[in-house]
N, C-alpha and C. Protein backbone atom coordinates (compact mmCIF):
# COMPACT_ATOMS: atom_id res chain seq x y z
N UNK A 1 69.14 -94.48 3.05
CA UNK A 1 69.24 -93.57 1.92
C UNK A 1 68.75 -94.30 0.66
N UNK A 2 67.86 -93.66 -0.06
CA UNK A 2 67.31 -94.24 -1.28
C UNK A 2 68.06 -93.66 -2.47
N UNK A 3 68.92 -94.47 -3.09
CA UNK A 3 69.72 -94.03 -4.22
C UNK A 3 69.25 -94.77 -5.46
N UNK A 4 68.70 -94.03 -6.41
CA UNK A 4 68.26 -94.65 -7.65
C UNK A 4 69.18 -94.18 -8.77
N UNK A 5 70.15 -95.03 -9.09
CA UNK A 5 71.16 -94.68 -10.08
C UNK A 5 70.51 -94.45 -11.44
N UNK A 6 69.56 -95.30 -11.81
CA UNK A 6 68.90 -95.14 -13.11
C UNK A 6 68.29 -93.75 -13.25
N UNK A 7 67.50 -93.35 -12.26
CA UNK A 7 66.85 -92.04 -12.33
C UNK A 7 67.86 -90.91 -12.36
N UNK A 8 68.92 -91.03 -11.56
CA UNK A 8 69.94 -89.97 -11.51
C UNK A 8 70.65 -89.83 -12.85
N UNK A 9 71.04 -90.96 -13.45
CA UNK A 9 71.74 -90.90 -14.74
C UNK A 9 70.82 -90.32 -15.81
N UNK A 10 69.60 -90.82 -15.89
CA UNK A 10 68.66 -90.32 -16.89
C UNK A 10 68.40 -88.83 -16.69
N UNK A 11 68.24 -88.42 -15.46
CA UNK A 11 68.02 -87.00 -15.16
C UNK A 11 69.20 -86.14 -15.64
N UNK A 12 70.41 -86.64 -15.40
CA UNK A 12 71.62 -85.87 -15.74
C UNK A 12 71.83 -85.72 -17.24
N UNK A 13 71.28 -86.61 -18.04
CA UNK A 13 71.50 -86.53 -19.49
C UNK A 13 70.24 -86.23 -20.29
N UNK A 14 69.14 -86.03 -19.62
CA UNK A 14 67.85 -85.92 -20.31
C UNK A 14 67.78 -84.76 -21.30
N UNK A 15 68.54 -83.72 -21.10
CA UNK A 15 68.49 -82.57 -22.01
C UNK A 15 69.67 -82.54 -22.98
N UNK A 16 70.48 -83.59 -23.00
CA UNK A 16 71.66 -83.62 -23.85
C UNK A 16 71.30 -83.90 -25.30
N UNK A 17 72.05 -83.27 -26.22
CA UNK A 17 71.88 -83.57 -27.63
C UNK A 17 72.79 -84.75 -28.00
N UNK A 18 72.79 -85.14 -29.27
CA UNK A 18 73.56 -86.31 -29.70
C UNK A 18 75.05 -86.17 -29.41
N UNK A 19 75.60 -85.00 -29.69
CA UNK A 19 77.03 -84.80 -29.45
C UNK A 19 77.36 -84.91 -27.96
N UNK A 20 76.52 -84.35 -27.13
CA UNK A 20 76.75 -84.43 -25.69
C UNK A 20 76.65 -85.87 -25.19
N UNK A 21 75.68 -86.61 -25.72
CA UNK A 21 75.54 -88.01 -25.34
C UNK A 21 76.77 -88.82 -25.75
N UNK A 22 77.22 -88.60 -26.97
CA UNK A 22 78.42 -89.28 -27.45
C UNK A 22 79.62 -88.94 -26.57
N UNK A 23 79.79 -87.67 -26.26
CA UNK A 23 80.91 -87.24 -25.43
C UNK A 23 80.83 -87.85 -24.03
N UNK A 24 79.64 -87.97 -23.50
CA UNK A 24 79.45 -88.60 -22.19
C UNK A 24 79.96 -90.03 -22.22
N UNK A 25 79.59 -90.77 -23.26
CA UNK A 25 80.00 -92.17 -23.38
C UNK A 25 81.51 -92.27 -23.58
N UNK A 26 82.04 -91.49 -24.52
CA UNK A 26 83.48 -91.54 -24.82
C UNK A 26 84.29 -91.15 -23.59
N UNK A 27 83.89 -90.08 -22.92
CA UNK A 27 84.62 -89.64 -21.73
C UNK A 27 84.60 -90.70 -20.63
N UNK A 28 83.46 -91.33 -20.43
CA UNK A 28 83.36 -92.35 -19.39
C UNK A 28 84.25 -93.54 -19.71
N UNK A 29 84.32 -93.93 -20.97
CA UNK A 29 85.15 -95.07 -21.36
C UNK A 29 86.64 -94.70 -21.28
N UNK A 30 86.99 -93.53 -21.79
CA UNK A 30 88.39 -93.12 -21.79
C UNK A 30 88.91 -92.87 -20.37
N UNK A 31 88.04 -92.38 -19.50
CA UNK A 31 88.43 -92.10 -18.12
C UNK A 31 88.78 -93.40 -17.40
N UNK A 32 88.04 -94.47 -17.72
CA UNK A 32 88.35 -95.79 -17.20
C UNK A 32 88.14 -95.98 -15.71
N UNK A 33 87.41 -95.09 -15.08
CA UNK A 33 87.18 -95.22 -13.64
C UNK A 33 86.01 -96.16 -13.37
N UNK A 34 86.19 -97.00 -12.38
CA UNK A 34 85.16 -97.97 -12.01
C UNK A 34 83.83 -97.30 -11.66
N UNK A 35 83.89 -96.11 -11.11
CA UNK A 35 82.67 -95.42 -10.69
C UNK A 35 81.77 -95.05 -11.87
N UNK A 36 82.32 -95.08 -13.09
CA UNK A 36 81.54 -94.75 -14.28
C UNK A 36 80.74 -95.94 -14.80
N UNK A 37 81.10 -97.14 -14.38
CA UNK A 37 80.46 -98.35 -14.92
C UNK A 37 78.95 -98.42 -14.68
N UNK A 38 78.45 -98.06 -13.50
CA UNK A 38 76.99 -98.11 -13.34
C UNK A 38 76.26 -97.17 -14.31
N UNK A 39 76.83 -95.99 -14.54
CA UNK A 39 76.20 -95.06 -15.47
C UNK A 39 76.20 -95.59 -16.89
N UNK A 40 77.31 -96.19 -17.29
CA UNK A 40 77.37 -96.80 -18.62
C UNK A 40 76.38 -97.94 -18.73
N UNK A 41 76.19 -98.66 -17.64
CA UNK A 41 75.20 -99.74 -17.63
C UNK A 41 73.79 -99.22 -17.85
N UNK A 42 73.49 -98.09 -17.24
CA UNK A 42 72.17 -97.47 -17.43
C UNK A 42 72.01 -97.03 -18.88
N UNK A 43 73.05 -96.44 -19.45
CA UNK A 43 72.98 -96.01 -20.85
C UNK A 43 72.79 -97.21 -21.77
N UNK A 44 73.51 -98.30 -21.49
CA UNK A 44 73.34 -99.51 -22.29
C UNK A 44 71.91 -100.04 -22.18
N UNK A 45 71.35 -100.00 -20.99
CA UNK A 45 69.98 -100.46 -20.79
C UNK A 45 69.00 -99.65 -21.64
N UNK A 46 69.20 -98.34 -21.70
CA UNK A 46 68.35 -97.48 -22.53
C UNK A 46 68.51 -97.85 -24.00
N UNK A 47 69.75 -98.01 -24.43
CA UNK A 47 70.02 -98.37 -25.83
C UNK A 47 69.36 -99.71 -26.16
N UNK A 48 69.53 -100.68 -25.28
CA UNK A 48 68.96 -102.01 -25.50
C UNK A 48 67.43 -101.93 -25.61
N UNK A 49 66.82 -101.21 -24.71
CA UNK A 49 65.35 -101.10 -24.70
C UNK A 49 64.81 -100.37 -25.92
N UNK A 50 65.61 -99.49 -26.51
CA UNK A 50 65.17 -98.71 -27.67
C UNK A 50 65.55 -99.37 -28.99
N UNK A 51 66.18 -100.53 -28.93
CA UNK A 51 66.66 -101.21 -30.15
C UNK A 51 65.71 -102.32 -30.57
N UNK A 52 65.65 -102.54 -31.88
CA UNK A 52 64.87 -103.67 -32.37
C UNK A 52 65.73 -104.93 -32.28
N UNK A 53 65.14 -106.05 -32.63
CA UNK A 53 65.82 -107.34 -32.47
C UNK A 53 67.09 -107.42 -33.31
N UNK A 54 67.08 -106.84 -34.51
CA UNK A 54 68.28 -106.87 -35.35
C UNK A 54 69.44 -106.13 -34.69
N UNK A 55 69.17 -104.95 -34.15
CA UNK A 55 70.22 -104.20 -33.47
C UNK A 55 70.69 -104.91 -32.22
N UNK A 56 69.77 -105.54 -31.50
CA UNK A 56 70.16 -106.30 -30.32
C UNK A 56 71.09 -107.44 -30.70
N UNK A 57 70.76 -108.14 -31.78
CA UNK A 57 71.62 -109.23 -32.24
C UNK A 57 73.00 -108.70 -32.64
N UNK A 58 73.03 -107.55 -33.29
CA UNK A 58 74.30 -106.95 -33.68
C UNK A 58 75.13 -106.56 -32.45
N UNK A 59 74.48 -106.02 -31.42
CA UNK A 59 75.19 -105.68 -30.19
C UNK A 59 75.77 -106.92 -29.53
N UNK A 60 74.99 -108.00 -29.49
CA UNK A 60 75.47 -109.24 -28.89
C UNK A 60 76.63 -109.81 -29.71
N UNK A 61 76.53 -109.75 -31.04
CA UNK A 61 77.64 -110.19 -31.90
C UNK A 61 78.89 -109.39 -31.61
N UNK A 62 78.75 -108.07 -31.50
CA UNK A 62 79.90 -107.21 -31.21
C UNK A 62 80.48 -107.51 -29.83
N UNK A 63 79.61 -107.75 -28.89
CA UNK A 63 80.06 -108.10 -27.55
C UNK A 63 80.85 -109.41 -27.56
N UNK A 64 80.32 -110.39 -28.29
CA UNK A 64 81.01 -111.67 -28.38
C UNK A 64 82.39 -111.51 -28.99
N UNK A 65 82.49 -110.68 -30.03
CA UNK A 65 83.80 -110.42 -30.67
C UNK A 65 84.75 -109.72 -29.69
N UNK A 66 84.21 -108.85 -28.87
CA UNK A 66 85.05 -108.05 -27.99
C UNK A 66 85.55 -108.79 -26.76
N UNK A 67 84.86 -109.85 -26.39
CA UNK A 67 85.29 -110.59 -25.21
C UNK A 67 85.85 -111.93 -25.61
C-alpha cells in the first residue's frame, strides 16, 4: 500500500481559508492524539518552506524556549 501522508494532508486542507487552517491546527493540538502528529508535521514543513530566514530563526528560538 502506497500511503503518502504529505499529499493526503495537503489535499485535505488545500481549499481551506485562514480560519479553517487555524482551527485545524488548534483542534489537532487540543485533541492531543498521537495520530495527529504526522499531519502537524506536514503543516510545519509547509510553514518552514514558506518562511524566510528571519521567521525560521524566530521559530527555532520559540522552539528552544518551549523545550
